[in-house]
Amino acid sequence: MEYHHVEGMTPAVVAMLKKVAEESAKRTMVDSFLMIGIDITDPIKAQDAFAALRKLAASVDDPEKKADDYWVRTSRRRSEGTVGKLITALIGIGVLNFFYLVGVGIKTALSQLPPQPPPH
């Protein structure tokens, strides 16, 4: 909207007020976006931020994502509690048992080799 004449104001005063209003609006917009972490003075970074926000907004309503998040949260809580410590202990026992059986297998295989004659 162009105002060429406002009662009691010269065109220079109107132009100055217009410039002040535009700068004020621009600064307010930049500051508002900076408060939510988006720097709109760099268009590429701003586009990346908005793309990430769109992706996040789309994933909020995704039932599969909600189910995955629920499963991860439940698993984390379970692993932090008594059940998690029990599962960790059982896995540790299983790993130790595996290495024990490998050692026994190697020892048995070596004991079945024919004896080597002494070197001359």
PDB file of N, CA and C in Angstrom:
ATOM      1  N   MET A   1       0.838  -1.161   0.000  1.00  0.00           N
ATOM      2  CA  MET A   1       0.000   0.000   0.000  1.00  0.00           C
ATOM      3  C   MET A   1       0.894   1.238   0.000  1.00  0.00           C
ATOM      4  N   GLU A   2       0.668   2.090  -0.919  1.00  0.00           N
ATOM      5  CA  GLU A   2       1.473   3.289  -1.027  1.00  0.00           C
ATOM      6  C   GLU A   2       0.687   4.495  -0.516  1.00  0.00           C
ATOM      7  N   TYR A   3       1.293   5.225   0.396  1.00  0.00           N
ATOM      8  CA  TYR A   3       0.705   6.470   0.892  1.00  0.00           C
ATOM      9  C   TYR A   3       1.634   7.607   0.465  1.00  0.00           C
ATOM     10  N   HIS A   4       1.144   8.431  -0.445  1.00  0.00           N
ATOM     11  CA  HIS A   4       1.963   9.536  -0.932  1.00  0.00           C
ATOM     12  C   HIS A   4       1.766  10.791  -0.104  1.00  0.00           C
ATOM     13  N   HIS A   5       0.647  10.866   0.567  1.00  0.00           N
ATOM     14  CA  HIS A   5       0.388  12.067   1.357  1.00  0.00           C
ATOM     15  C   HIS A   5      -0.466  11.690   2.560  1.00  0.00           C
ATOM     16  N   VAL A   6       0.013  11.990   3.706  1.00  0.00           N
ATOM     17  CA  VAL A   6      -0.745  11.801   4.939  1.00  0.00           C
ATOM     18  C   VAL A   6      -0.882  13.178   5.544  1.00  0.00           C
ATOM     19  N   GLU A   7      -2.054  13.480   6.083  1.00  0.00           N
ATOM     20  CA  GLU A   7      -2.316  14.824   6.603  1.00  0.00           C
ATOM     21  C   GLU A   7      -1.249  15.273   7.590  1.00  0.00           C
ATOM     22  N   GLY A   8      -0.663  16.375   7.335  1.00  0.00           N
ATOM     23  CA  GLY A   8       0.309  16.971   8.229  1.00  0.00           C
ATOM     24  C   GLY A   8       1.697  16.374   8.119  1.00  0.00           C
ATOM     25  N   MET A   9       1.937  15.426   7.195  1.00  0.00           N
ATOM     26  CA  MET A   9       3.261  14.812   7.055  1.00  0.00           C
ATOM     27  C   MET A   9       3.784  15.028   5.645  1.00  0.00           C
ATOM     28  N   THR A  10       5.043  15.310   5.576  1.00  0.00           N
ATOM     29  CA  THR A  10       5.676  15.485   4.275  1.00  0.00           C
ATOM     30  C   THR A  10       6.008  14.110   3.701  1.00  0.00           C
ATOM     31  N   PRO A  11       6.217  14.022   2.403  1.00  0.00           N
ATOM     32  CA  PRO A  11       6.593  12.741   1.800  1.00  0.00           C
ATOM     33  C   PRO A  11       7.875  12.159   2.419  1.00  0.00           C
ATOM     34  N   ALA A  12       8.802  12.970   2.860  1.00  0.00           N
ATOM     35  CA  ALA A  12      10.034  12.484   3.490  1.00  0.00           C
ATOM     36  C   ALA A  12       9.732  11.811   4.818  1.00  0.00           C
ATOM     37  N   VAL A  13       8.799  12.390   5.598  1.00  0.00           N
ATOM     38  CA  VAL A  13       8.422  11.804   6.888  1.00  0.00           C
ATOM     39  C   VAL A  13       7.692  10.481   6.658  1.00  0.00           C
ATOM     40  N   VAL A  14       6.815  10.445   5.669  1.00  0.00           N
ATOM     41  CA  VAL A  14       6.086   9.210   5.348  1.00  0.00           C
ATOM     42  C   VAL A  14       7.072   8.119   4.928  1.00  0.00           C
ATOM     43  N   ALA A  15       8.049   8.466   4.093  1.00  0.00           N
ATOM     44  CA  ALA A  15       9.055   7.496   3.654  1.00  0.00           C
ATOM     45  C   ALA A  15       9.873   6.990   4.830  1.00  0.00           C
ATOM     46  N   MET A  16      10.235   7.880   5.750  1.00  0.00           N
ATOM     47  CA  MET A  16      11.005   7.474   6.922  1.00  0.00           C
ATOM     48  C   MET A  16      10.184   6.526   7.800  1.00  0.00           C
ATOM     49  N   LEU A  17       8.901   6.861   8.028  1.00  0.00           N
ATOM     50  CA  LEU A  17       8.041   5.999   8.844  1.00  0.00           C
ATOM     51  C   LEU A  17       7.847   4.630   8.189  1.00  0.00           C
ATOM     52  N   LYS A  18       7.725   4.628   6.861  1.00  0.00           N
ATOM     53  CA  LYS A  18       7.583   3.365   6.135  1.00  0.00           C
ATOM     54  C   LYS A  18       8.839   2.514   6.311  1.00  0.00           C
ATOM     55  N   LYS A  19      10.005   3.131   6.192  1.00  0.00           N
ATOM     56  CA  LYS A  19      11.265   2.405   6.343  1.00  0.00           C
ATOM     57  C   LYS A  19      11.405   1.856   7.762  1.00  0.00           C
ATOM     58  N   VAL A  20      11.058   2.689   8.763  1.00  0.00           N
ATOM     59  CA  VAL A  20      11.133   2.257  10.159  1.00  0.00           C
ATOM     60  C   VAL A  20      10.189   1.072  10.401  1.00  0.00           C
ATOM     61  N   ALA A  21       8.965   1.151   9.852  1.00  0.00           N
ATOM     62  CA  ALA A  21       7.988   0.069  10.030  1.00  0.00           C
ATOM     63  C   ALA A  21       8.480  -1.224   9.377  1.00  0.00           C
ATOM     64  N   GLU A  22       9.044  -1.121   8.171  1.00  0.00           N
ATOM     65  CA  GLU A  22       9.542  -2.316   7.468  1.00  0.00           C
ATOM     66  C   GLU A  22      10.710  -2.943   8.219  1.00  0.00           C
ATOM     67  N   GLU A  23      11.654  -2.118   8.666  1.00  0.00           N
ATOM     68  CA  GLU A  23      12.807  -2.628   9.414  1.00  0.00           C
ATOM     69  C   GLU A  23      12.376  -3.266  10.739  1.00  0.00           C
ATOM     70  N   SER A  24      11.412  -2.631  11.387  1.00  0.00           N
ATOM     71  CA  SER A  24      10.908  -3.154  12.652  1.00  0.00           C
ATOM     72  C   SER A  24      10.234  -4.514  12.445  1.00  0.00           C
ATOM     73  N   ALA A  25       9.426  -4.622  11.401  1.00  0.00           N
ATOM     74  CA  ALA A  25       8.745  -5.889  11.106  1.00  0.00           C
ATOM     75  C   ALA A  25       9.766  -6.972  10.755  1.00  0.00           C
ATOM     76  N   LYS A  26      10.768  -6.590   9.946  1.00  0.00           N
ATOM     77  CA  LYS A  26      11.795  -7.560   9.552  1.00  0.00           C
ATOM     78  C   LYS A  26      12.563  -8.047  10.778  1.00  0.00           C
ATOM     79  N   ARG A  27      12.972  -7.141  11.640  1.00  0.00           N
ATOM     80  CA  ARG A  27      13.741  -7.497  12.843  1.00  0.00           C
ATOM     81  C   ARG A  27      12.911  -8.380  13.786  1.00  0.00           C
ATOM     82  N   THR A  28      11.623  -8.039  13.909  1.00  0.00           N
ATOM     83  CA  THR A  28      10.735  -8.831  14.758  1.00  0.00           C
ATOM     84  C   THR A  28      10.613 -10.256  14.223  1.00  0.00           C
ATOM     85  N   MET A  29      10.495 -10.387  12.903  1.00  0.00           N
ATOM     86  CA  MET A  29      10.378 -11.709  12.299  1.00  0.00           C
ATOM     87  C   MET A  29      11.667 -12.516  12.494  1.00  0.00           C
ATOM     88  N   VAL A  30      12.808 -11.886  12.247  1.00  0.00           N
ATOM     89  CA  VAL A  30      14.094 -12.574  12.429  1.00  0.00           C
ATOM     90  C   VAL A  30      14.253 -13.021  13.877  1.00  0.00           C
ATOM     91  N   ASP A  31      13.959 -12.132  14.823  1.00  0.00           N
ATOM     92  CA  ASP A  31      14.078 -12.475  16.244  1.00  0.00           C
ATOM     93  C   ASP A  31      13.120 -13.591  16.643  1.00  0.00           C
ATOM     94  N   SER A  32      11.905 -13.556  16.097  1.00  0.00           N
ATOM     95  CA  SER A  32      10.918 -14.590  16.426  1.00  0.00           C
ATOM     96  C   SER A  32      11.397 -15.963  15.968  1.00  0.00           C
ATOM     97  N   PHE A  33      11.933 -16.029  14.753  1.00  0.00           N
ATOM     98  CA  PHE A  33      12.435 -17.317  14.260  1.00  0.00           C
ATOM     99  C   PHE A  33      13.676 -17.754  15.030  1.00  0.00           C
ATOM    100  N   LEU A  34      14.530 -16.815  15.401  1.00  0.00           N
ATOM    101  CA  LEU A  34      15.721 -17.175  16.181  1.00  0.00           C
ATOM    102  C   LEU A  34      15.345 -17.765  17.537  1.00  0.00           C
ATOM    103  N   MET A  35      14.217 -17.297  18.110  1.00  0.00           N
ATOM    104  CA  MET A  35      13.781 -17.838  19.397  1.00  0.00           C
ATOM    105  C   MET A  35      13.432 -19.317  19.304  1.00  0.00           C
ATOM    106  N   ILE A  36      13.005 -19.785  18.126  1.00  0.00           N
ATOM    107  CA  ILE A  36      12.697 -21.211  17.969  1.00  0.00           C
ATOM    108  C   ILE A  36      13.833 -21.956  17.262  1.00  0.00           C
ATOM    109  N   GLY A  37      14.967 -21.263  17.094  1.00  0.00           N
ATOM    110  CA  GLY A  37      16.163 -21.936  16.582  1.00  0.00           C
ATOM    111  C   GLY A  37      16.335 -21.936  15.080  1.00  0.00           C
ATOM    112  N   ILE A  38      15.660 -21.051  14.379  1.00  0.00           N
ATOM    113  CA  ILE A  38      15.783 -20.993  12.919  1.00  0.00           C
ATOM    114  C   ILE A  38      16.350 -19.631  12.522  1.00  0.00           C
ATOM    115  N   ASP A  39      17.514 -19.672  11.868  1.00  0.00           N
ATOM    116  CA  ASP A  39      18.155 -18.440  11.406  1.00  0.00           C
ATOM    117  C   ASP A  39      17.716 -18.184   9.970  1.00  0.00           C
ATOM    118  N   ILE A  40      16.754 -17.266   9.788  1.00  0.00           N
ATOM    119  CA  ILE A  40      16.231 -17.020   8.439  1.00  0.00           C
ATOM    120  C   ILE A  40      17.117 -16.091   7.630  1.00  0.00           C
ATOM    121  N   THR A  41      18.219 -15.617   8.213  1.00  0.00           N
ATOM    122  CA  THR A  41      19.143 -14.793   7.426  1.00  0.00           C
ATOM    123  C   THR A  41      19.965 -15.663   6.481  1.00  0.00           C
ATOM    124  N   ASP A  42      20.010 -16.992   6.734  1.00  0.00           N
ATOM    125  CA  ASP A  42      20.679 -17.937   5.830  1.00  0.00           C
ATOM    126  C   ASP A  42      19.591 -18.826   5.220  1.00  0.00           C
ATOM    127  N   PRO A  43      19.168 -18.545   3.984  1.00  0.00           N
ATOM    128  CA  PRO A  43      18.031 -19.260   3.392  1.00  0.00           C
ATOM    129  C   PRO A  43      18.227 -20.778   3.300  1.00  0.00           C
ATOM    130  N   ILE A  44      19.430 -21.249   3.027  1.00  0.00           N
ATOM    131  CA  ILE A  44      19.666 -22.691   2.882  1.00  0.00           C
ATOM    132  C   ILE A  44      19.467 -23.395   4.232  1.00  0.00           C
ATOM    133  N   LYS A  45      20.056 -22.825   5.292  1.00  0.00           N
ATOM    134  CA  LYS A  45      19.877 -23.414   6.624  1.00  0.00           C
ATOM    135  C   LYS A  45      18.423 -23.345   7.067  1.00  0.00           C
ATOM    136  N   ALA A  46      17.744 -22.258   6.723  1.00  0.00           N
ATOM    137  CA  ALA A  46      16.335 -22.119   7.094  1.00  0.00           C
ATOM    138  C   ALA A  46      15.493 -23.186   6.388  1.00  0.00           C
ATOM    139  N   GLN A  47      15.777 -23.428   5.103  1.00  0.00           N
ATOM    140  CA  GLN A  47      15.050 -24.471   4.375  1.00  0.00           C
ATOM    141  C   GLN A  47      15.311 -25.842   4.979  1.00  0.00           C
ATOM    142  N   ASP A  48      16.553 -26.106   5.368  1.00  0.00           N
ATOM    143  CA  ASP A  48      16.877 -27.376   6.017  1.00  0.00           C
ATOM    144  C   ASP A  48      16.116 -27.526   7.333  1.00  0.00           C
ATOM    145  N   ALA A  49      16.049 -26.443   8.094  1.00  0.00           N
ATOM    146  CA  ALA A  49      15.331 -26.487   9.376  1.00  0.00           C
ATOM    147  C   ALA A  49      13.853 -26.749   9.153  1.00  0.00           C
ATOM    148  N   PHE A  50      13.258 -26.091   8.165  1.00  0.00           N
ATOM    149  CA  PHE A  50      11.843 -26.311   7.894  1.00  0.00           C
ATOM    150  C   PHE A  50      11.595 -27.721   7.368  1.00  0.00           C
ATOM    151  N   ALA A  51      12.519 -28.258   6.562  1.00  0.00           N
ATOM    152  CA  ALA A  51      12.371 -29.632   6.077  1.00  0.00           C
ATOM    153  C   ALA A  51      12.409 -30.614   7.255  1.00  0.00           C
ATOM    154  N   ALA A  52      13.315 -30.364   8.192  1.00  0.00           N
ATOM    155  CA  ALA A  52      13.393 -31.229   9.374  1.00  0.00           C
ATOM    156  C   ALA A  52      12.121 -31.119  10.212  1.00  0.00           C
ATOM    157  N   LEU A  53      11.578 -29.912  10.336  1.00  0.00           N
ATOM    158  CA  LEU A  53      10.332 -29.732  11.086  1.00  0.00           C
ATOM    159  C   LEU A  53       9.163 -30.441  10.405  1.00  0.00           C
ATOM    160  N   ARG A  54       9.115 -30.378   9.063  1.00  0.00           N
ATOM    161  CA  ARG A  54       8.045 -31.081   8.346  1.00  0.00           C
ATOM    162  C   ARG A  54       8.163 -32.585   8.548  1.00  0.00           C
ATOM    163  N   LYS A  55       9.393 -33.093   8.497  1.00  0.00           N
ATOM    164  CA  LYS A  55       9.609 -34.533   8.700  1.00  0.00           C
ATOM    165  C   LYS A  55       9.209 -34.940  10.118  1.00  0.00           C
ATOM    166  N   LEU A  56       9.567 -34.116  11.089  1.00  0.00           N
ATOM    167  CA  LEU A  56       9.197 -34.399  12.470  1.00  0.00           C
ATOM    168  C   LEU A  56       7.687 -34.367  12.647  1.00  0.00           C
ATOM    169  N   ALA A  57       7.034 -33.378  12.053  1.00  0.00           N
ATOM    170  CA  ALA A  57       5.575 -33.270  12.167  1.00  0.00           C
ATOM    171  C   ALA A  57       4.891 -34.471  11.526  1.00  0.00           C
ATOM    172  N   ALA A  58       5.427 -34.952  10.411  1.00  0.00           N
ATOM    173  CA  ALA A  58       4.834 -36.116   9.746  1.00  0.00           C
ATOM    174  C   ALA A  58       4.997 -37.379  10.588  1.00  0.00           C
ATOM    175  N   SER A  59       6.115 -37.479  11.290  1.00  0.00           N
ATOM    176  CA  SER A  59       6.369 -38.693  12.074  1.00  0.00           C
ATOM    177  C   SER A  59       5.570 -38.728  13.369  1.00  0.00           C
ATOM    178  N   VAL A  60       5.075 -37.588  13.818  1.00  0.00           N
ATOM    179  CA  VAL A  60       4.323 -37.541  15.077  1.00  0.00           C
ATOM    180  C   VAL A  60       3.034 -38.349  14.968  1.00  0.00           C
ATOM    181  N   ASP A  61       2.381 -38.292  13.826  1.00  0.00           N
ATOM    182  CA  ASP A  61       1.104 -38.981  13.645  1.00  0.00           C
ATOM    183  C   ASP A  61       1.255 -40.386  13.068  1.00  0.00           C
ATOM    184  N   ASP A  62       2.466 -40.829  12.814  1.00  0.00           N
ATOM    185  CA  ASP A  62       2.692 -42.143  12.224  1.00  0.00           C
ATOM    186  C   ASP A  62       2.520 -43.230  13.284  1.00  0.00           C
ATOM    187  N   PRO A  63       1.533 -44.119  13.139  1.00  0.00           N
ATOM    188  CA  PRO A  63       1.299 -45.150  14.159  1.00  0.00           C
ATOM    189  C   PRO A  63       2.473 -46.125  14.294  1.00  0.00           C
ATOM    190  N   GLU A  64       3.152 -46.401  13.186  1.00  0.00           N
ATOM    191  CA  GLU A  64       4.299 -47.309  13.254  1.00  0.00           C
ATOM    192  C   GLU A  64       5.433 -46.683  14.067  1.00  0.00           C
ATOM    193  N   LYS A  65       5.653 -45.384  13.883  1.00  0.00           N
ATOM    194  CA  LYS A  65       6.678 -44.668  14.655  1.00  0.00           C
ATOM    195  C   LYS A  65       6.304 -44.657  16.135  1.00  0.00           C
ATOM    196  N   LYS A  66       5.028 -44.443  16.434  1.00  0.00           N
ATOM    197  CA  LYS A  66       4.590 -44.467  17.831  1.00  0.00           C
ATOM    198  C   LYS A  66       4.839 -45.837  18.455  1.00  0.00           C
ATOM    199  N   ALA A  67       4.551 -46.893  17.698  1.00  0.00           N
ATOM    200  CA  ALA A  67       4.778 -48.251  18.207  1.00  0.00           C
ATOM    201  C   ALA A  67       6.265 -48.497  18.427  1.00  0.00           C
ATOM    202  N   ASP A  68       7.102 -48.019  17.491  1.00  0.00           N
ATOM    203  CA  ASP A  68       8.556 -48.173  17.648  1.00  0.00           C
ATOM    204  C   ASP A  68       9.048 -47.425  18.881  1.00  0.00           C
ATOM    205  N   ASP A  69       8.567 -46.200  19.059  1.00  0.00           N
ATOM    206  CA  ASP A  69       8.968 -45.410  20.223  1.00  0.00           C
ATOM    207  C   ASP A  69       8.540 -46.086  21.515  1.00  0.00           C
ATOM    208  N   TYR A  70       7.328 -46.654  21.520  1.00  0.00           N
ATOM    209  CA  TYR A  70       6.840 -47.347  22.709  1.00  0.00           C
ATOM    210  C   TYR A  70       7.721 -48.557  23.014  1.00  0.00           C
ATOM    211  N   TRP A  71       8.080 -49.307  21.947  1.00  0.00           N
ATOM    212  CA  TRP A  71       8.919 -50.490  22.143  1.00  0.00           C
ATOM    213  C   TRP A  71      10.297 -50.102  22.683  1.00  0.00           C
ATOM    214  N   VAL A  72      10.879 -49.051  22.126  1.00  0.00           N
ATOM    215  CA  VAL A  72      12.201 -48.595  22.587  1.00  0.00           C
ATOM    216  C   VAL A  72      12.134 -48.145  24.042  1.00  0.00           C
ATOM    217  N   ARG A  73      11.110 -47.374  24.392  1.00  0.00           N
ATOM    218  CA  ARG A  73      10.965 -46.893  25.765  1.00  0.00           C
ATOM    219  C   ARG A  73      10.774 -48.062  26.728  1.00  0.00           C
ATOM    220  N   THR A  74       9.920 -49.020  26.345  1.00  0.00           N
ATOM    221  CA  THR A  74       9.683 -50.189  27.199  1.00  0.00           C
ATOM    222  C   THR A  74      10.959 -50.994  27.363  1.00  0.00           C
ATOM    223  N   SER A  75      11.702 -51.198  26.299  1.00  0.00           N
ATOM    224  CA  SER A  75      12.958 -51.953  26.364  1.00  0.00           C
ATOM    225  C   SER A  75      13.976 -51.241  27.251  1.00  0.00           C
ATOM    226  N   ARG A  76      14.044 -49.924  27.116  1.00  0.00           N
ATOM    227  CA  ARG A  76      14.994 -49.162  27.939  1.00  0.00           C
ATOM    228  C   ARG A  76      14.635 -49.274  29.411  1.00  0.00           C
ATOM    229  N   ARG A  77      13.362 -49.109  29.721  1.00  0.00           N
ATOM    230  CA  ARG A  77      12.942 -49.209  31.127  1.00  0.00           C
ATOM    231  C   ARG A  77      13.191 -50.607  31.674  1.00  0.00           C
ATOM    232  N   ARG A  78      12.927 -51.598  30.851  1.00  0.00           N
ATOM    233  CA  ARG A  78      13.133 -52.982  31.283  1.00  0.00           C
ATOM    234  C   ARG A  78      14.623 -53.254  31.512  1.00  0.00           C
ATOM    235  N   SER A  79      15.459 -52.725  30.622  1.00  0.00           N
ATOM    236  CA  SER A  79      16.898 -52.989  30.747  1.00  0.00           C
ATOM    237  C   SER A  79      17.506 -52.272  31.942  1.00  0.00           C
ATOM    238  N   GLU A  80      16.866 -51.187  32.389  1.00  0.00           N
ATOM    239  CA  GLU A  80      17.379 -50.457  33.548  1.00  0.00           C
ATOM    240  C   GLU A  80      16.971 -51.121  34.860  1.00  0.00           C
ATOM    241  N   GLY A  81      15.970 -51.983  34.819  1.00  0.00           N
ATOM    242  CA  GLY A  81      15.452 -52.584  36.049  1.00  0.00           C
ATOM    243  C   GLY A  81      16.048 -53.951  36.323  1.00  0.00           C
ATOM    244  N   THR A  82      15.383 -54.684  37.208  1.00  0.00           N
ATOM    245  CA  THR A  82      15.831 -56.014  37.629  1.00  0.00           C
ATOM    246  C   THR A  82      15.836 -56.983  36.460  1.00  0.00           C
ATOM    247  N   VAL A  83      14.813 -56.921  35.622  1.00  0.00           N
ATOM    248  CA  VAL A  83      14.739 -57.825  34.480  1.00  0.00           C
ATOM    249  C   VAL A  83      15.939 -57.606  33.563  1.00  0.00           C
ATOM    250  N   GLY A  84      16.318 -56.367  33.354  1.00  0.00           N
ATOM    251  CA  GLY A  84      17.475 -56.068  32.509  1.00  0.00           C
ATOM    252  C   GLY A  84      18.761 -56.616  33.085  1.00  0.00           C
ATOM    253  N   LYS A  85      18.920 -56.492  34.386  1.00  0.00           N
ATOM    254  CA  LYS A  85      20.130 -57.023  35.028  1.00  0.00           C
ATOM    255  C   LYS A  85      20.150 -58.546  34.934  1.00  0.00           C
ATOM    256  N   LEU A  86      18.985 -59.178  35.076  1.00  0.00           N
ATOM    257  CA  LEU A  86      18.895 -60.635  34.958  1.00  0.00           C
ATOM    258  C   LEU A  86      19.240 -61.076  33.537  1.00  0.00           C
ATOM    259  N   ILE A  87      18.699 -60.374  32.542  1.00  0.00           N
ATOM    260  CA  ILE A  87      18.994 -60.723  31.147  1.00  0.00           C
ATOM    261  C   ILE A  87      20.478 -60.532  30.857  1.00  0.00           C
ATOM    262  N   THR A  88      21.072 -59.461  31.361  1.00  0.00           N
ATOM    263  CA  THR A  88      22.505 -59.227  31.165  1.00  0.00           C
ATOM    264  C   THR A  88      23.335 -60.347  31.801  1.00  0.00           C
ATOM    265  N   ALA A  89      22.940 -60.772  32.989  1.00  0.00           N
ATOM    266  CA  ALA A  89      23.657 -61.864  33.669  1.00  0.00           C
ATOM    267  C   ALA A  89      23.526 -63.157  32.876  1.00  0.00           C
ATOM    268  N   LEU A  90      22.327 -63.448  32.368  1.00  0.00           N
ATOM    269  CA  LEU A  90      22.128 -64.671  31.592  1.00  0.00           C
ATOM    270  C   LEU A  90      22.935 -64.643  30.289  1.00  0.00           C
ATOM    271  N   ILE A  91      22.992 -63.506  29.657  1.00  0.00           N
ATOM    272  CA  ILE A  91      23.795 -63.388  28.435  1.00  0.00           C
ATOM    273  C   ILE A  91      25.270 -63.598  28.772  1.00  0.00           C
ATOM    274  N   GLY A  92      25.724 -63.009  29.864  1.00  0.00           N
ATOM    275  CA  GLY A  92      27.122 -63.200  30.296  1.00  0.00           C
ATOM    276  C   GLY A  92      27.429 -64.664  30.562  1.00  0.00           C
ATOM    277  N   ILE A  93      26.531 -65.353  31.243  1.00  0.00           N
ATOM    278  CA  ILE A  93      26.723 -66.784  31.523  1.00  0.00           C
ATOM    279  C   ILE A  93      26.760 -67.566  30.215  1.00  0.00           C
ATOM    280  N   GLY A  94      25.882 -67.208  29.291  1.00  0.00           N
ATOM    281  CA  GLY A  94      25.860 -67.898  27.994  1.00  0.00           C
ATOM    282  C   GLY A  94      27.154 -67.701  27.221  1.00  0.00           C
ATOM    283  N   VAL A  95      27.690 -66.486  27.237  1.00  0.00           N
ATOM    284  CA  VAL A  95      28.950 -66.212  26.524  1.00  0.00           C
ATOM    285  C   VAL A  95      30.094 -66.989  27.170  1.00  0.00           C
ATOM    286  N   LEU A  96      30.162 -66.975  28.494  1.00  0.00           N
ATOM    287  CA  LEU A  96      31.209 -67.735  29.189  1.00  0.00           C
ATOM    288  C   LEU A  96      31.093 -69.222  28.889  1.00  0.00           C
ATOM    289  N   ASN A  97      29.867 -69.738  28.876  1.00  0.00           N
ATOM    290  CA  ASN A  97      29.638 -71.149  28.572  1.00  0.00           C
ATOM    291  C   ASN A  97      30.099 -71.470  27.151  1.00  0.00           C
ATOM    292  N   PHE A  98      29.819 -70.568  26.207  1.00  0.00           N
ATOM    293  CA  PHE A  98      30.246 -70.772  24.831  1.00  0.00           C
ATOM    294  C   PHE A  98      31.769 -70.891  24.757  1.00  0.00           C
ATOM    295  N   PHE A  99      32.486 -69.956  25.390  1.00  0.00           N
ATOM    296  CA  PHE A  99      33.947 -70.016  25.337  1.00  0.00           C
ATOM    297  C   PHE A  99      34.495 -71.237  26.062  1.00  0.00           C
ATOM    298  N   TYR A 100      33.834 -71.662  27.136  1.00  0.00           N
ATOM    299  CA  TYR A 100      34.254 -72.878  27.835  1.00  0.00           C
ATOM    300  C   TYR A 100      34.110 -74.081  26.907  1.00  0.00           C
ATOM    301  N   LEU A 101      32.978 -74.177  26.205  1.00  0.00           N
ATOM    302  CA  LEU A 101      32.768 -75.302  25.292  1.00  0.00           C
ATOM    303  C   LEU A 101      33.742 -75.269  24.119  1.00  0.00           C
ATOM    304  N   VAL A 102      34.066 -74.092  23.626  1.00  0.00           N
ATOM    305  CA  VAL A 102      35.068 -73.986  22.556  1.00  0.00           C
ATOM    306  C   VAL A 102      36.416 -74.492  23.072  1.00  0.00           C
ATOM    307  N   GLY A 103      36.774 -74.084  24.298  1.00  0.00           N
ATOM    308  CA  GLY A 103      38.040 -74.549  24.886  1.00  0.00           C
ATOM    309  C   GLY A 103      38.061 -76.052  25.072  1.00  0.00           C
ATOM    310  N   VAL A 104      36.967 -76.618  25.549  1.00  0.00           N
ATOM    311  CA  VAL A 104      36.888 -78.074  25.727  1.00  0.00           C
ATOM    312  C   VAL A 104      36.989 -78.768  24.375  1.00  0.00           C
ATOM    313  N   GLY A 105      36.334 -78.223  23.360  1.00  0.00           N
ATOM    314  CA  GLY A 105      36.398 -78.814  22.013  1.00  0.00           C
ATOM    315  C   GLY A 105      37.807 -78.789  21.462  1.00  0.00           C
ATOM    316  N   ILE A 106      38.510 -77.680  21.648  1.00  0.00           N
ATOM    317  CA  ILE A 106      39.899 -77.588  21.169  1.00  0.00           C
ATOM    318  C   ILE A 106      40.774 -78.571  21.920  1.00  0.00           C
ATOM    319  N   LYS A 107      40.603 -78.657  23.224  1.00  0.00           N
ATOM    320  CA  LYS A 107      41.406 -79.569  24.037  1.00  0.00           C
ATOM    321  C   LYS A 107      41.144 -81.022  23.626  1.00  0.00           C
ATOM    322  N   THR A 108      39.881 -81.361  23.377  1.00  0.00           N
ATOM    323  CA  THR A 108      39.541 -82.723  22.952  1.00  0.00           C
ATOM    324  C   THR A 108      40.137 -83.016  21.580  1.00  0.00           C
ATOM    325  N   ALA A 109      40.039 -82.064  20.671  1.00  0.00           N
ATOM    326  CA  ALA A 109      40.589 -82.268  19.325  1.00  0.00           C
ATOM    327  C   ALA A 109      42.099 -82.432  19.384  1.00  0.00           C
ATOM    328  N   LEU A 110      42.782 -81.675  20.226  1.00  0.00           N
ATOM    329  CA  LEU A 110      44.241 -81.791  20.339  1.00  0.00           C
ATOM    330  C   LEU A 110      44.645 -83.103  21.003  1.00  0.00           C
ATOM    331  N   SER A 111      43.811 -83.595  21.918  1.00  0.00           N
ATOM    332  CA  SER A 111      44.170 -84.852  22.607  1.00  0.00           C
ATOM    333  C   SER A 111      43.993 -86.046  21.688  1.00  0.00           C
ATOM    334  N   GLN A 112      43.236 -85.919  20.621  1.00  0.00           N
ATOM    335  CA  GLN A 112      43.021 -87.037  19.702  1.00  0.00           C
ATOM    336  C   GLN A 112      44.036 -87.077  18.575  1.00  0.00           C
ATOM    337  N   LEU A 113      44.917 -86.109  18.509  1.00  0.00           N
ATOM    338  CA  LEU A 113      45.975 -86.139  17.504  1.00  0.00           C
ATOM    339  C   LEU A 113      46.983 -87.220  17.883  1.00  0.00           C
ATOM    340  N   PRO A 114      47.565 -87.908  16.865  1.00  0.00           N
ATOM    341  CA  PRO A 114      48.564 -88.920  17.207  1.00  0.00           C
ATOM    342  C   PRO A 114      49.818 -88.242  17.787  1.00  0.00           C
ATOM    343  N   PRO A 115      50.475 -88.922  18.689  1.00  0.00           N
ATOM    344  CA  PRO A 115      51.666 -88.317  19.282  1.00  0.00           C
ATOM    345  C   PRO A 115      52.744 -88.102  18.227  1.00  0.00           C
ATOM    346  N   GLN A 116      53.499 -87.035  18.390  1.00  0.00           N
ATOM    347  CA  GLN A 116      54.578 -86.708  17.479  1.00  0.00           C
ATOM    348  C   GLN A 116      55.846 -87.433  17.917  1.00  0.00           C
ATOM    349  N   PRO A 117      56.553 -88.030  16.962  1.00  0.00           N
ATOM    350  CA  PRO A 117      57.819 -88.665  17.367  1.00  0.00           C
ATOM    351  C   PRO A 117      58.833 -87.589  17.728  1.00  0.00           C
ATOM    352  N   PRO A 118      59.697 -87.912  18.689  1.00  0.00           N
ATOM    353  CA  PRO A 118      60.716 -86.918  19.093  1.00  0.00           C
ATOM    354  C   PRO A 118      61.647 -86.597  17.923  1.00  0.00           C
ATOM    355  N   PRO A 119      62.148 -85.383  17.832  1.00  0.00           N
ATOM    356  CA  PRO A 119      63.062 -85.034  16.740  1.00  0.00           C
ATOM    357  C   PRO A 119      64.400 -85.744  16.937  1.00  0.00           C
ATOM    358  N   HIS A 120      65.082 -86.113  15.877  1.00  0.00           N
ATOM    359  CA  HIS A 120      66.371 -86.831  15.931  1.00  0.00           C
ATOM    360  C   HIS A 120      67.493 -85.901  16.061  1.00  0.00           C
TER     361      HIS A 120
END
